Each structure stands twice: as C-alpha cells, then as structure tokens.
Protein backbone atom coordinates (compact mmCIF):
# COMPACT_ATOMS: atom_id res chain seq x y z
CA MET A 1 17.78 -8.47 17.77
CA ASN A 2 18.29 -7.96 21.53
CA GLY A 3 15.16 -6.90 22.50
CA PHE A 4 15.20 -3.44 20.60
CA PRO A 5 11.79 -1.77 20.04
CA TRP A 6 12.52 -1.62 16.37
CA LEU A 7 8.77 -1.19 15.65
CA SER A 8 8.05 1.45 17.88
CA VAL A 9 11.13 3.47 16.88
CA LEU A 10 9.66 3.38 13.32
CA VAL A 11 6.28 3.95 14.20
CA PHE A 12 7.23 7.20 16.47
CA LEU A 13 10.71 8.21 15.07
CA PRO A 14 8.70 10.52 12.44
CA LEU A 15 6.62 11.68 15.40
CA ALA A 16 9.51 12.96 17.26
CA GLY A 17 10.97 14.57 13.70
CA ALA A 18 7.79 16.69 13.55
CA GLY A 19 8.22 17.91 17.29
CA ALA A 20 11.68 18.98 16.49
CA LEU A 21 10.64 21.08 13.83
CA PHE A 22 8.82 22.85 16.20
CA LEU A 23 12.06 23.71 17.88
CA VAL A 24 13.71 25.55 14.93
CA PRO A 25 13.16 29.55 15.32
CA PRO A 26 11.17 30.91 12.58
CA GLY A 27 12.78 31.98 9.44
CA ARG A 28 14.80 29.08 8.83
CA ASP A 29 13.47 27.40 6.10
CA GLY A 30 16.88 25.53 4.96
CA ALA A 31 17.01 23.98 8.81
CA LEU A 32 13.33 22.86 8.65
CA LYS A 33 14.16 21.22 5.52
CA ARG A 34 16.95 19.39 7.38
CA VAL A 35 15.43 18.42 10.01
CA ALA A 36 12.57 16.72 7.92
CA LEU A 37 15.10 15.00 5.71
CA ALA A 38 17.23 13.82 8.55
CA SER A 39 13.90 12.26 10.08
CA THR A 40 13.02 10.20 7.19
CA LEU A 41 16.83 9.37 6.16
CA VAL A 42 17.30 7.84 10.05
CA HIS A 43 14.11 6.06 9.48
CA LEU A 44 15.02 4.45 6.50
CA ALA A 45 18.25 3.55 8.26
CA PHE A 46 16.36 1.85 10.66
CA ALA A 47 13.69 0.29 8.10
CA VAL A 48 16.82 -0.96 6.53
CA GLY A 49 17.99 -2.67 9.48
CA LEU A 50 14.78 -4.33 10.20
CA PHE A 51 14.85 -5.78 6.61
CA PHE A 52 18.47 -7.56 7.04
CA GLY A 53 17.45 -8.68 10.64
CA PHE A 54 14.11 -10.16 9.33
CA GLU A 55 14.20 -14.14 9.01
CA PRO A 56 12.28 -14.83 5.96
CA SER A 57 12.29 -18.83 7.05
CA THR A 58 9.02 -18.20 9.49
CA PHE A 59 5.70 -16.83 8.80
CA ALA A 60 5.30 -16.08 12.23
CA MET A 61 5.32 -12.40 13.33
CA GLN A 62 8.84 -10.95 14.31
CA PHE A 63 9.78 -8.06 16.22
CA ILE A 64 6.67 -8.42 18.41
CA GLU A 65 5.93 -5.87 20.98
CA ARG A 66 2.69 -5.21 23.29
CA TYR A 67 1.82 -3.17 26.06
CA SER A 68 -1.39 -2.81 27.68
CA TRP A 69 -3.22 -0.02 26.78
CA ILE A 70 -6.82 -0.45 27.76
CA PRO A 71 -6.69 -3.39 29.58
CA GLN A 72 -10.53 -3.40 30.67
CA PHE A 73 -11.35 -3.60 26.91
CA GLY A 74 -8.64 -6.31 25.80
CA ILE A 75 -7.13 -3.46 23.97
CA SER A 76 -3.29 -3.29 23.53
CA TYR A 77 -0.69 -1.39 21.64
CA ALA A 78 0.42 -4.43 19.61
CA VAL A 79 2.89 -4.33 16.77
CA GLY A 80 4.94 -6.89 14.61
CA VAL A 81 6.26 -7.50 11.39
CA ASP A 82 5.90 -10.48 8.68
CA GLY A 83 7.12 -10.82 5.32
CA ILE A 84 3.77 -8.90 3.88
CA SER A 85 4.52 -5.84 5.99
CA LEU A 86 8.27 -5.92 6.09
CA LEU A 87 8.08 -4.76 2.39
CA LEU A 88 5.50 -1.93 3.08
CA VAL A 89 7.33 -0.61 5.86
CA MET A 90 10.60 -0.31 3.61
CA LEU A 91 8.37 1.19 0.88
CA THR A 92 6.98 3.86 2.95
CA SER A 93 10.48 4.61 4.44
CA LEU A 94 12.22 5.28 1.05
CA LEU A 95 9.44 7.07 -0.62
CA MET A 96 8.98 9.41 2.61
CA VAL A 97 12.69 10.46 1.54
CA THR A 98 11.58 11.14 -2.18
CA ALA A 99 8.62 12.96 -0.86
CA ILE A 100 10.68 15.57 1.19
CA LEU A 101 13.46 15.91 -1.32
CA SER A 102 10.51 16.49 -3.87
CA SER A 103 9.17 19.51 -1.94
CA TRP A 104 12.45 21.21 -1.51
CA THR A 105 11.78 24.00 -3.57
CA ALA A 106 8.10 23.54 -4.41
CA VAL A 107 6.79 24.35 -1.06
CA ARG A 108 7.32 28.07 0.26
CA GLU A 109 4.50 29.04 2.49
CA LYS A 110 3.67 27.17 5.92
CA LEU A 111 6.96 25.02 5.53
CA ARG A 112 6.57 24.21 9.27
CA ALA A 113 3.26 22.94 9.19
CA TYR A 114 3.88 20.80 6.00
CA LEU A 115 6.48 19.06 6.84
CA ALA A 116 5.18 18.33 10.26
CA CYS A 117 1.97 17.22 8.11
CA MET A 118 4.05 14.74 6.15
CA LEU A 119 6.08 13.43 9.34
CA LEU A 120 2.62 12.82 10.98
CA LEU A 121 1.25 11.12 7.88
CA GLU A 122 4.30 8.68 7.89
CA THR A 123 4.04 7.39 11.77
CA ALA A 124 0.56 7.05 10.94
CA MET A 125 1.05 5.10 7.63
CA VAL A 126 3.93 2.60 9.31
CA GLY A 127 1.51 2.20 12.11
CA VAL A 128 -1.25 1.03 10.14
CA PHE A 129 1.49 -1.66 8.38
CA VAL A 130 2.58 -3.22 11.62
CA ALA A 131 -0.51 -2.95 13.91
CA THR A 132 -1.57 -6.36 15.03
CA ASP A 133 -4.40 -5.13 17.37
CA LEU A 134 -7.48 -4.54 15.32
CA PHE A 135 -8.32 -1.45 17.66
CA ALA A 136 -4.85 0.25 17.21
CA PHE A 137 -4.71 -0.56 13.40
CA TYR A 138 -8.07 1.45 13.34
CA VAL A 139 -6.52 4.37 15.35
CA PHE A 140 -3.34 4.73 12.95
CA TRP A 141 -6.12 4.14 9.93
CA GLU A 142 -8.21 7.02 11.14
CA ALA A 143 -5.14 8.93 11.90
CA MET A 144 -3.81 9.45 8.37
CA LEU A 145 -6.83 11.07 7.01
CA VAL A 146 -5.94 14.08 9.17
CA PRO A 147 -2.46 15.31 7.88
CA MET A 148 -3.51 13.93 4.29
CA TYR A 149 -6.73 16.19 4.62
CA PHE A 150 -4.38 19.53 5.31
CA LEU A 151 -1.93 18.45 2.58
CA ILE A 152 -4.55 18.27 -0.22
CA GLY A 153 -6.44 21.38 1.54
CA ILE A 154 -3.81 23.71 2.25
CA TRP A 155 -1.08 23.02 -0.15
CA GLY A 156 -3.06 21.66 -3.09
CA GLY A 157 -4.38 23.51 -6.31
CA GLN A 158 -7.11 25.71 -7.12
CA ARG A 159 -9.91 22.96 -6.58
CA ARG A 160 -8.23 21.86 -3.55
CA ILE A 161 -11.29 21.88 -0.85
CA TYR A 162 -13.15 20.00 -2.86
CA ALA A 163 -10.61 17.35 -3.85
CA ALA A 164 -9.76 17.02 0.11
CA VAL A 165 -13.25 17.06 1.05
CA LYS A 166 -14.34 14.44 -1.11
CA PHE A 167 -11.12 12.32 -0.17
CA PHE A 168 -12.00 12.49 3.68
CA LEU A 169 -15.82 11.66 3.11
CA PHE A 170 -15.35 8.76 0.87
CA THR A 171 -12.50 7.29 3.26
CA MET A 172 -14.74 7.83 6.29
CA ALA A 173 -17.50 6.40 5.17
CA GLY A 174 -16.04 2.98 4.91
CA SER A 175 -13.94 3.60 8.06
CA VAL A 176 -17.01 3.86 10.32
CA LEU A 177 -18.43 0.61 8.92
CA MET A 178 -15.20 -1.30 9.11
CA LEU A 179 -15.21 -0.01 13.15
CA VAL A 180 -18.93 -1.52 13.65
CA ALA A 181 -17.57 -4.57 12.24
CA ILE A 182 -14.33 -4.76 14.41
CA VAL A 183 -16.41 -4.19 17.39
CA THR A 184 -18.76 -7.27 16.22
CA LEU A 185 -16.14 -9.44 15.85
CA VAL A 186 -14.65 -8.69 19.37
CA VAL A 187 -18.59 -9.14 20.92
CA ILE A 188 -18.69 -12.53 19.12
CA HIS A 189 -15.30 -13.71 20.63
CA TYR A 190 -16.33 -12.79 24.15
CA ARG A 191 -19.40 -14.84 23.78
CA THR A 192 -17.55 -17.69 22.54
CA SER A 193 -14.47 -17.38 25.04
CA GLY A 194 -15.61 -15.18 28.03
CA TYR A 195 -13.40 -12.26 27.48
CA LEU A 196 -12.76 -9.51 25.34
CA SER A 197 -9.67 -8.93 23.01
CA PHE A 198 -8.82 -6.99 19.66
CA ASP A 199 -5.91 -9.19 19.07
CA LEU A 200 -5.58 -10.31 15.24
CA ALA A 201 -4.22 -13.71 16.21
CA THR A 202 -6.89 -14.35 18.48
CA LEU A 203 -9.62 -13.47 16.28
CA THR A 204 -8.47 -15.22 13.24
CA GLY A 205 -10.35 -18.56 13.09
CA LEU A 206 -12.79 -17.41 14.98
CA PRO A 207 -16.26 -19.77 14.30
CA VAL A 208 -18.37 -16.84 12.96
CA PRO A 209 -21.91 -18.08 11.27
CA ALA A 210 -21.64 -17.67 7.64
CA GLY A 211 -24.34 -15.05 6.95
CA THR A 212 -22.56 -12.66 9.60
CA GLN A 213 -19.17 -13.29 8.10
CA LYS A 214 -20.13 -12.13 4.74
CA TRP A 215 -21.60 -8.82 6.38
CA LEU A 216 -18.55 -8.36 8.66
CA PHE A 217 -16.31 -9.06 5.46
CA ALA A 218 -18.31 -6.66 3.31
CA ALA A 219 -17.84 -3.78 6.22
CA PHE A 220 -14.13 -4.53 6.07
CA ALA A 221 -14.10 -4.93 1.80
CA LEU A 222 -15.94 -1.30 1.58
CA ALA A 223 -13.15 0.53 3.72
CA PHE A 224 -10.67 -1.30 1.82
CA ALA A 225 -12.02 -0.83 -1.45
CA ILE A 226 -12.44 2.54 -1.39
CA LYS A 227 -8.95 3.29 -0.46
CA VAL A 228 -7.32 1.04 -3.14
CA PRO A 229 -9.75 2.43 -4.96
CA MET A 230 -11.85 -0.04 -6.91
CA PHE A 231 -14.21 0.41 -9.53
CA PRO A 232 -16.62 2.27 -8.88
CA LEU A 233 -15.58 3.58 -5.78
CA HIS A 234 -12.41 5.34 -7.33
CA THR A 235 -13.91 8.78 -8.11
CA TRP A 236 -12.36 10.38 -5.37
CA LEU A 237 -8.56 9.26 -6.58
CA PRO A 238 -8.20 11.53 -9.69
CA ASP A 239 -9.05 14.77 -8.05
CA ALA A 240 -7.42 14.21 -4.99
CA HIS A 241 -3.84 13.50 -7.37
CA VAL A 242 -4.62 16.24 -9.63
CA GLU A 243 -5.04 19.00 -6.46
CA ALA A 244 -2.04 17.40 -3.92
CA PRO A 245 0.98 18.76 -4.18
CA THR A 246 3.69 16.60 -5.68
CA ALA A 247 5.14 14.89 -2.49
CA GLY A 248 1.19 14.17 -1.29
CA SER A 249 0.59 12.79 -4.83
CA VAL A 250 4.11 10.25 -4.32
CA ILE A 251 2.64 9.06 -0.69
CA LEU A 252 -1.00 8.86 -2.09
CA ALA A 253 -0.34 6.48 -4.96
CA GLY A 254 2.97 5.09 -3.32
CA VAL A 255 1.83 4.05 0.09
CA LEU A 256 -2.05 5.24 0.93
CA LEU A 257 -3.30 3.34 -1.71
CA LYS A 258 -1.68 0.10 -0.44
CA MET A 259 -3.55 0.19 2.37
CA GLY A 260 -6.96 -0.81 1.07
CA THR A 261 -5.10 -3.65 -0.97
CA TYR A 262 -2.81 -4.27 2.18
CA GLY A 263 -5.91 -4.62 4.66
CA PHE A 264 -7.51 -7.35 2.37
CA VAL A 265 -4.59 -9.50 2.55
CA ARG A 266 -4.00 -8.76 6.28
CA PHE A 267 -7.60 -8.92 7.75
CA CYS A 268 -10.11 -10.09 5.15
CA LEU A 269 -8.57 -13.13 4.12
CA PRO A 270 -7.45 -14.69 7.69
CA LEU A 271 -10.66 -13.44 9.41
CA PHE A 272 -13.37 -14.24 6.71
CA PRO A 273 -11.81 -16.83 4.74
CA GLN A 274 -15.48 -18.55 3.66
CA ALA A 275 -16.47 -15.08 2.98
CA SER A 276 -13.70 -14.51 0.95
CA LEU A 277 -14.18 -17.36 -1.31
CA SER A 278 -17.55 -16.51 -1.98
CA ALA A 279 -16.37 -12.97 -3.05
CA VAL A 280 -14.04 -14.06 -5.42
CA PRO A 281 -16.39 -13.48 -8.50
CA ILE A 282 -17.29 -10.15 -7.44
CA ILE A 283 -13.98 -9.02 -6.51
CA SER A 284 -12.15 -10.30 -9.68
CA THR A 285 -14.68 -8.89 -11.86
CA LEU A 286 -14.74 -5.40 -10.37
CA ALA A 287 -10.85 -5.95 -10.50
CA VAL A 288 -10.86 -6.47 -14.10
CA ILE A 289 -13.20 -3.99 -14.89
CA GLY A 290 -11.01 -1.20 -12.87
CA ILE A 291 -7.99 -2.51 -15.00
CA ILE A 292 -9.56 -1.89 -18.74
CA TYR A 293 -11.56 1.07 -17.48
CA GLY A 294 -8.64 2.85 -15.96
CA ALA A 295 -6.45 2.32 -18.99
CA LEU A 296 -9.30 3.33 -21.20
CA VAL A 297 -9.59 6.44 -19.43
CA ALA A 298 -5.92 7.43 -19.09
CA LEU A 299 -5.66 6.62 -22.90
CA VAL A 300 -8.05 10.01 -23.21
CA GLN A 301 -6.38 12.05 -20.76
CA SER A 302 -5.01 15.39 -21.96
CA ASP A 303 -3.21 16.08 -18.31
CA VAL A 304 -0.20 14.01 -17.56
CA LYS A 305 -1.09 13.95 -13.93
CA ARG A 306 -4.56 13.25 -14.44
CA LEU A 307 -3.34 10.19 -16.59
CA VAL A 308 -0.95 8.50 -13.57
CA ALA A 309 -3.77 8.97 -11.60
CA TYR A 310 -5.86 6.64 -13.84
CA SER A 311 -3.27 4.22 -14.36
CA SER A 312 -3.08 3.52 -11.04
CA VAL A 313 -6.83 2.73 -11.02
CA SER A 314 -5.69 0.15 -13.53
CA HIS A 315 -2.57 -1.30 -12.05
CA LEU A 316 -4.34 -1.62 -8.58
CA GLY A 317 -6.95 -3.74 -10.17
CA PHE A 318 -4.24 -6.15 -11.22
CA VAL A 319 -2.95 -6.28 -7.49
CA MET A 320 -6.74 -7.24 -6.65
CA LEU A 321 -7.09 -9.68 -9.00
CA GLY A 322 -4.19 -11.82 -7.78
CA VAL A 323 -4.82 -11.37 -4.20
CA PHE A 324 -8.32 -12.75 -5.12
CA ALA A 325 -6.55 -15.78 -7.01
CA LEU A 326 -6.02 -17.36 -3.66
CA ASN A 327 -3.00 -18.95 -4.70
CA HIS A 328 0.66 -18.74 -4.26
CA GLN A 329 1.75 -16.89 -7.17
CA GLY A 330 -1.51 -14.68 -7.47
CA ILE A 331 -0.92 -13.40 -3.93
CA SER A 332 2.90 -12.95 -4.29
CA GLY A 333 2.50 -11.15 -7.45
CA GLY A 334 -0.44 -9.16 -5.76
CA ILE A 335 2.04 -8.00 -2.80
CA LEU A 336 5.30 -7.45 -4.94
CA GLN A 337 3.37 -5.28 -7.40
CA MET A 338 1.94 -3.24 -4.70
CA VAL A 339 5.65 -2.25 -4.00
CA ASN A 340 6.16 -2.15 -8.05
CA HIS A 341 3.13 0.38 -8.26
CA GLY A 342 4.69 2.70 -4.90
CA LEU A 343 8.22 2.80 -7.02
CA SER A 344 7.10 3.05 -10.46
CA THR A 345 3.96 5.69 -9.92
CA GLY A 346 5.69 7.39 -7.30
CA ALA A 347 8.66 8.37 -9.55
CA LEU A 348 5.90 9.16 -12.40
CA PHE A 349 4.28 11.72 -10.06
CA ALA A 350 7.94 13.10 -8.81
CA ILE A 351 8.59 13.46 -12.46
CA VAL A 352 5.15 15.52 -13.35
CA GLY A 353 6.36 17.77 -10.35
CA MET A 354 9.47 18.47 -11.93
CA LEU A 355 8.04 19.48 -15.12
CA TYR A 356 5.44 21.30 -13.17
CA GLU A 357 7.94 23.19 -11.71
CA ARG A 358 9.51 24.33 -14.72
CA ARG A 359 6.69 25.15 -16.64
CA HIS A 360 3.65 25.70 -14.44
CA THR A 361 1.30 23.45 -16.56
CA ARG A 362 0.53 19.72 -16.86
CA GLU A 363 -0.86 19.68 -20.46
CA ILE A 364 1.08 17.13 -22.74
CA ALA A 365 0.39 19.86 -25.66
CA ASP A 366 2.42 22.34 -23.70
CA PHE A 367 5.20 19.88 -24.06
CA GLY A 368 7.16 18.31 -26.77
CA GLY A 369 10.93 17.55 -27.59
CA ILE A 370 12.11 18.14 -24.43
CA SER A 371 14.73 15.28 -24.46
CA THR A 372 16.84 17.63 -26.27
CA PRO A 373 17.10 20.26 -23.55
CA MET A 374 16.89 17.60 -20.85
CA PRO A 375 18.55 14.14 -21.70
CA VAL A 376 19.11 13.11 -18.00
CA PHE A 377 15.76 13.63 -17.20
CA ALA A 378 14.38 12.06 -20.36
CA LEU A 379 16.73 8.68 -19.30
CA LEU A 380 15.11 8.24 -15.93
CA PHE A 381 11.72 9.26 -17.46
CA MET A 382 12.08 6.63 -19.97
CA VAL A 383 13.27 3.69 -17.50
CA VAL A 384 9.89 4.96 -15.22
CA THR A 385 7.54 4.56 -18.07
CA LEU A 386 8.89 1.05 -19.17
CA SER A 387 8.62 -0.10 -15.71
CA SER A 388 4.93 0.96 -15.49
CA ILE A 389 4.24 -0.96 -18.72
CA GLY A 390 5.70 -3.99 -17.34
CA LEU A 391 9.06 -4.52 -19.64
CA PRO A 392 10.95 -7.61 -19.24
CA GLY A 393 13.75 -7.02 -17.16
CA LEU A 394 12.14 -4.19 -14.63
CA ASN A 395 9.92 -4.45 -11.78
CA GLY A 396 6.56 -4.45 -13.42
CA PHE A 397 7.08 -7.58 -15.24
CA VAL A 398 7.63 -10.03 -12.62
CA GLY A 399 4.34 -8.58 -10.60
CA GLU A 400 2.24 -8.80 -13.34
CA PHE A 401 3.55 -12.12 -14.72
CA LEU A 402 2.98 -13.55 -11.17
CA VAL A 403 -0.62 -12.09 -11.15
CA LEU A 404 -1.53 -13.44 -14.57
CA VAL A 405 -0.16 -17.03 -13.89
CA GLY A 406 -1.90 -17.09 -10.38
CA ALA A 407 -5.15 -15.74 -11.89
CA PHE A 408 -5.08 -18.16 -14.90
CA ARG A 409 -4.61 -21.11 -12.74
CA GLU A 410 -8.07 -20.44 -11.00
CA HIS A 411 -9.82 -18.21 -13.61
CA PRO A 412 -8.77 -18.20 -16.94
CA GLY A 413 -11.37 -15.85 -18.55
CA PHE A 414 -10.42 -12.85 -15.99
CA ALA A 415 -6.65 -13.48 -16.85
CA VAL A 416 -7.36 -12.96 -20.34
CA VAL A 417 -9.34 -9.96 -20.13
CA ALA A 418 -6.76 -8.47 -17.99
CA THR A 419 -3.93 -9.23 -20.26
CA LEU A 420 -5.47 -6.40 -22.45
CA GLY A 421 -4.97 -4.08 -19.44
CA VAL A 422 -0.83 -4.56 -20.49
CA VAL A 423 -1.69 -3.64 -23.97
CA LEU A 424 -3.37 -0.45 -23.08
CA ALA A 425 -0.85 0.67 -20.53
CA ALA A 426 1.77 0.55 -23.29
CA TRP A 427 -0.33 2.36 -25.51
CA TYR A 428 -1.36 5.32 -23.32
CA MET A 429 2.39 5.55 -21.48
CA LEU A 430 4.01 4.99 -24.57
CA TRP A 431 1.84 7.62 -26.36
CA MET A 432 2.51 10.30 -23.40
CA PHE A 433 5.98 9.92 -23.21
CA GLN A 434 6.44 10.14 -27.18
CA ARG A 435 4.22 13.45 -26.97
CA VAL A 436 5.94 15.19 -23.99
CA MET A 437 9.96 13.90 -24.97
CA PHE A 438 10.03 13.28 -28.77
CA GLY A 439 9.38 15.45 -31.85
CA LYS A 440 10.52 19.25 -32.33
CA VAL A 441 10.47 21.97 -29.74
CA SER A 442 7.65 24.06 -31.01
CA LEU A 443 7.23 26.11 -27.87
CA PRO A 444 9.97 28.51 -27.08
CA GLU A 445 9.34 28.16 -23.46
CA ASN A 446 10.62 24.24 -23.88
CA ARG A 447 14.07 25.08 -25.70
CA ALA A 448 15.89 26.37 -22.45
CA LEU A 449 14.58 24.32 -19.69
CA ARG A 450 17.21 23.15 -17.39
CA ASP A 451 18.31 19.40 -16.87
CA LEU A 452 17.83 17.68 -13.57
CA SER A 453 19.82 19.26 -10.84
CA PHE A 454 21.85 16.67 -8.26
CA ARG A 455 18.83 16.77 -5.60
CA GLU A 456 16.33 15.46 -8.42
CA VAL A 457 18.60 13.03 -9.71
CA MET A 458 18.42 11.67 -6.10
CA VAL A 459 14.84 11.61 -6.01
CA LEU A 460 14.76 9.56 -8.87
CA LEU A 461 18.15 7.51 -8.59
CA PRO A 462 17.23 5.12 -5.73
CA LEU A 463 13.71 4.14 -7.27
CA VAL A 464 15.07 3.38 -10.39
CA VAL A 465 17.78 1.23 -8.80
CA PHE A 466 14.88 -0.84 -6.86
CA ILE A 467 12.90 -1.17 -10.28
CA VAL A 468 15.94 -2.62 -12.04
CA TRP A 469 16.83 -4.94 -9.00
CA ILE A 470 13.26 -6.09 -8.46
CA GLY A 471 13.04 -6.73 -12.31
CA VAL A 472 16.40 -8.63 -12.53
CA TYR A 473 16.47 -10.27 -9.29
CA PRO A 474 12.97 -10.48 -7.27
CA LYS A 475 14.16 -13.42 -5.03
CA THR A 476 15.54 -10.84 -2.72
CA PHE A 477 12.02 -9.32 -1.94
CA LEU A 478 9.84 -12.38 -3.26
CA GLY A 479 12.17 -14.49 -0.36
CA ARG A 480 10.66 -12.47 2.38
CA ILE A 481 7.07 -13.20 1.64
CA GLU A 482 7.21 -16.53 0.59
CA ALA A 483 6.70 -18.15 4.06
CA SER A 484 3.80 -15.60 5.25
CA VAL A 485 1.87 -16.13 1.77
CA ASP A 486 2.22 -19.89 1.69
CA HIS A 487 0.78 -19.82 5.54
CA LEU A 488 -1.96 -17.47 4.32
CA VAL A 489 -3.03 -19.48 1.61
CA THR A 490 -3.06 -22.77 3.72
CA THR A 491 -5.32 -20.66 6.54
CA VAL A 492 -7.94 -20.06 3.55
CA ARG A 493 -7.76 -23.55 1.98
CA GLU A 494 -8.01 -25.41 5.36
CA ALA A 495 -10.91 -22.93 6.79
CA ASN A 496 -12.64 -23.78 3.79
CA LEU A 497 -12.22 -27.32 3.65
CA LEU A 498 -13.40 -27.31 7.54
CA GLU A 499 -16.68 -25.56 6.79
CA SER A 500 -17.32 -28.00 3.78
CA PRO A 501 -16.32 -31.44 5.11
CA SER A 502 -16.87 -32.67 1.28
CA GLY A 503 -14.41 -30.00 0.37
CA ALA A 504 -16.78 -29.77 -2.71
CA GLY A 505 -16.71 -25.66 -2.57
CA MET A 506 -13.13 -25.67 -2.33
CA GLN A 507 -12.41 -28.07 -4.97
CA ALA A 508 -14.65 -25.88 -7.44
CA ALA A 509 -12.47 -22.84 -6.59
CA PHE A 510 -9.17 -24.21 -6.51
CA GLY A 511 -9.04 -27.90 -7.56
CA PRO A 512 -8.60 -30.82 -5.49
CA ALA A 513 -7.02 -30.01 -2.17
CA ALA A 514 -3.17 -30.97 -2.00
CA PRO A 515 -2.53 -33.74 0.87
CA VAL A 516 -1.35 -32.31 4.33
CA ALA A 517 1.52 -33.37 5.92
CA ALA A 518 1.10 -34.86 9.24
CA ALA A 519 3.42 -31.64 10.89
CA ASP A 520 1.05 -29.18 9.12
CA ALA A 521 -2.24 -31.40 9.88
CA VAL A 522 -5.33 -28.91 10.17
CA VAL A 523 -5.83 -28.29 14.14
CA PRO A 524 -8.37 -25.86 15.86
CA ALA A 525 -7.93 -22.71 14.94
CA ALA A 526 -7.18 -21.21 18.57
CA GLU A 527 -4.03 -23.52 18.78
CA ARG A 528 -2.79 -22.16 15.36
CA PRO A 529 -0.03 -19.83 15.71
CA ALA A 530 -1.53 -17.65 13.53
CA GLY A 531 -0.15 -14.03 13.22
CA GLY A 532 2.88 -15.45 14.91
CA GLY A 533 1.96 -16.43 18.31
CA PRO A 534 -0.66 -18.10 20.63
CA PRO A 535 -3.79 -16.56 21.49
CA ALA A 536 -3.93 -14.26 24.56
CA PRO A 537 -5.04 -16.00 27.64
CA PRO A 538 -8.43 -14.96 29.55
CA ASP A 539 -6.57 -13.12 31.89
CA ALA A 540 -4.22 -11.24 29.69
CA ALA A 541 -5.92 -8.04 31.06
CA ALA A 542 -4.18 -8.54 34.34
CA ASP A 543 -0.76 -7.91 32.70
CA ASP A 544 0.97 -4.88 34.04
CA GLU A 545 -0.22 -1.68 32.46
CA GLY A 546 2.39 -0.54 30.30
CA GLY A 547 4.35 -3.68 30.13
CA ALA A 548 5.21 -5.91 27.31
CA ARG A 549 3.54 -9.29 27.02
C-alpha cells in the first residue's frame, strides 16, 4: 500500500479527533457531535481501505510499522495486522459510528468530555488489536480502562460508581499478573539469546520449561478470562452493562469483551502451545458452564438490558469453546463469532437504549404490543433477535455451526452440552421479544410511542446489513482469516509434537498428526516467520530512534 502508515492512522486518528473537540467553542453541542461523528466516519473509511488492501493468501503480518521506542529495553512501537486482527479492527470502526449516533440525544451533560472519552477509547481498542510488541500491547490494554471507567462512572445509572470501580478492579487484577508474565517471558528470552525483546514474533517458539509455561499461561489467561468474561469471573459484567450509558454498553459488548477472546488467540496459543493444550479440559468445561449458566440466568431476567448482558456470557462461551477446540473449524468459528456477537449484541444494546429514551424503563413488564405503534422498530428488532439465536441465513448460525463442528471433532461431550445453549437462547430471546413487541397495548404510555427516526434507522441498518451478509455469504470474512488460522493451528500442533516426539499427547487431543509437506517441514521457531517476519536481530536496539525497522 505504497508505504502509507495505515495502522498508525487508524490508531491515532481518534486521538486527533478527541483533541479537535477542545477547539470547538463552548455551547456548540451540535458541532461537538459532528466532529466526533466525522472522526469515526473517516476512521471507518480507512478501515475499509485496509480491508480491501489486505492480502488474504498469507498468514504473515501486513502493513507492518516498527519504530524504536525504548531501545535499551528492546521496546518498540510495533504494529501489524493479519486476518484475525483485521476483522476486529473493522468491527471496532463500525461500532464506534453506531455508538456516536446512539449518543446523539441520550447524552446532554459534559458532552465534550463524553465524546473525548469515546474517541480515546477507540484509540486504545485499535491499539490492542494491532500491537505486535507486548509492551505496546500492555500500554494500550491498560489505557482502555481509563475512558471506560469514566464513561460508566460519570454518565452511567444510579449505581454507576459501584459498577465502574468493580469493572476497574477486576480488570486491573488480571492485568498486573499479565505484566509480570510478560516481563518473565522477556527475561527468559534474554537469558537464551543475550538481548531484550518484547516482539511477539521473536518470543513465539521460545523454549520455556513446561512448568514455567503453565504459570505464564495462567497469568495471561486470567487477564483475558476476566475480560471475556468467563465463568466464574463474569460478575462485573451485568453491573457494568446495566449502569453504562447506551453507547458504553454497545462498545463494551461489541468490542471490549473481544479483547479477552482475542488475547487467547493472539498470545496464549502461540506463546504457550503446550500449556494451551493442557488447559483444554479446564477452559472447555468453564466455557460450557458459561454457555448454560448465562442462558439460564438470562431466562429469568425482568430487565431487558440485564437479559442481554447475561446472554453475552453465554455467547462468548461458544467463542472460547471454539478457540480451544484447537482445530481450523473451531478457531475460525470462534473468531467469526466474535464479530457476530459484536454486531448482534451491539445492536441489541442500541435497541434497548432507544426503548429507554422513549419510556425511561427497561422492565419487560412495562412494554407489550409496541410493534403496533413502532413497525419499523419491530422489523429491525426481529432480525437482530433472530441473529442472536442463530437462525440459518443470519450471521449467528455460521459462527455457532463452525464452533460446534470444531468442538464435536475433538470433544463430542462438550459440543452436545453446548448445543443446549442454542435451545435456551431461542427460549429467552424469543420470549423476551414476544412480551415486548406483541400482545395488547395495555399501558397508555405505549400507544403513542414514535417509530424510529432516520438517525436511529442509520444506527441499526448497517449492523443488519452485515448480519445478513455474513449469514448468506460468510466467505467474504472467513477467507480473510483462513491463512492465519491454518498457521496458528499448525504452530500449536508442531510445538506439541516437538515437545513429545512420540506424539502421544497430540494424538490423544487431536488424533493422528497429518503428514507435513516438505515445504512446511518443522523448522526451529527462531527461523519461522511467525507473526509475519523474522525475529529481531541482537543489534536491533541500535536502530535509529524513531526510525522504521
């Protein structure tokens, strides 16, 4: 792409937009909204350019940028995308437009600070998905906490302070342990090679003793499991969702939770392949418990926003089950389901926000029969609901089908139990939809409800388009991740075969290993282009400061 710094633009454009907000004179709320919306639309345009400029035939990182940051410690500002991170960058850009439009009339107090927090959050989220230096990743990971803390704590509901503090403490607890694990990994690399590096490609394949690898995996996994969130670390999520403003819930469900599942795919599997294999029974068990538990708790909710929040616990259990199937179908389904969940649940939270603006209540019992005064709303709500339950022809079906196929190949028992979650999802979602939208209009407040405005249609319509697109023709998106997923599965399998020459452990988990073609023969990890390029040379720190490597 002619050397243009696409990823740096995507990372820092929202930051520039946040700065531009403070150039708008006081009292110009309309101008503030237009600046924020323009920033997110331009960001989306760059993300679309990135999507079509991406070469799907290779697993290597693309659009790589690397600048020396703290050379004496081997720290760089290093970014790149493969098929996995590409889809999540696209999802982030799309949902940020949705979030800004959802806030158009909902937020009136401290609007400048609110919009600035939203744009700062976008910078941090994109940074997490494109960082290939572990130190830079950690900086973006922690930076995300601050704007989300303020979004919940200032613009949230009645229990906003409690929810914001709980969100912050849960996430920080895991993050600190992850930092310790990152430093430990870098020290091990230093003792092996004689130079410091936080580069993901360099650290992938590092010979870490099995016992140490399990502890490092556990530290990373705890941070990511809290963010997913996996059972039993999920208790912060319903409170955060219920108290957050509508746009905060859209981003929290649509993007922030995906940082946890992305972390498992991007870091845990390639860095700790033996520990990942050992953790399959534990992770899969917790994933299945989360699927069933989240569905059952959602079934008894009277608050529609809390119902959607618990549905996220259930749906993200499918993602984790697919990822830890450790085969192509499972991981592909898990990654696609990250995107699917972001679209459908982001749309559901936007829909709940539209109802709340009209009635200032989220209790299911306060509605009923509103499809009569709001037919356009009813149509879009129905499509999103059917997407969430995995109706064939919509996006949710494709992701869940691949996850269950991948899980059934390796662990049939887990797949069979998880299938019950699909049935329960149809139960609680359709029951909620029926009680809200159909029947007699028993309350006079519901008879005069206005249908969706043009702005509100524009909030939901792009998400519905992608819901149908992925359901009808998923190859557009699965084709972008195929090479990266194949390489990830091969990396994990080869590492476990090398660890156990007999291959007994691998055969127990995956079945007999497939023959390896000569061109793909196992080579030392330091010589493999994992992450899209060769490892940094020992004298990499001598590069010019601020210069691209």
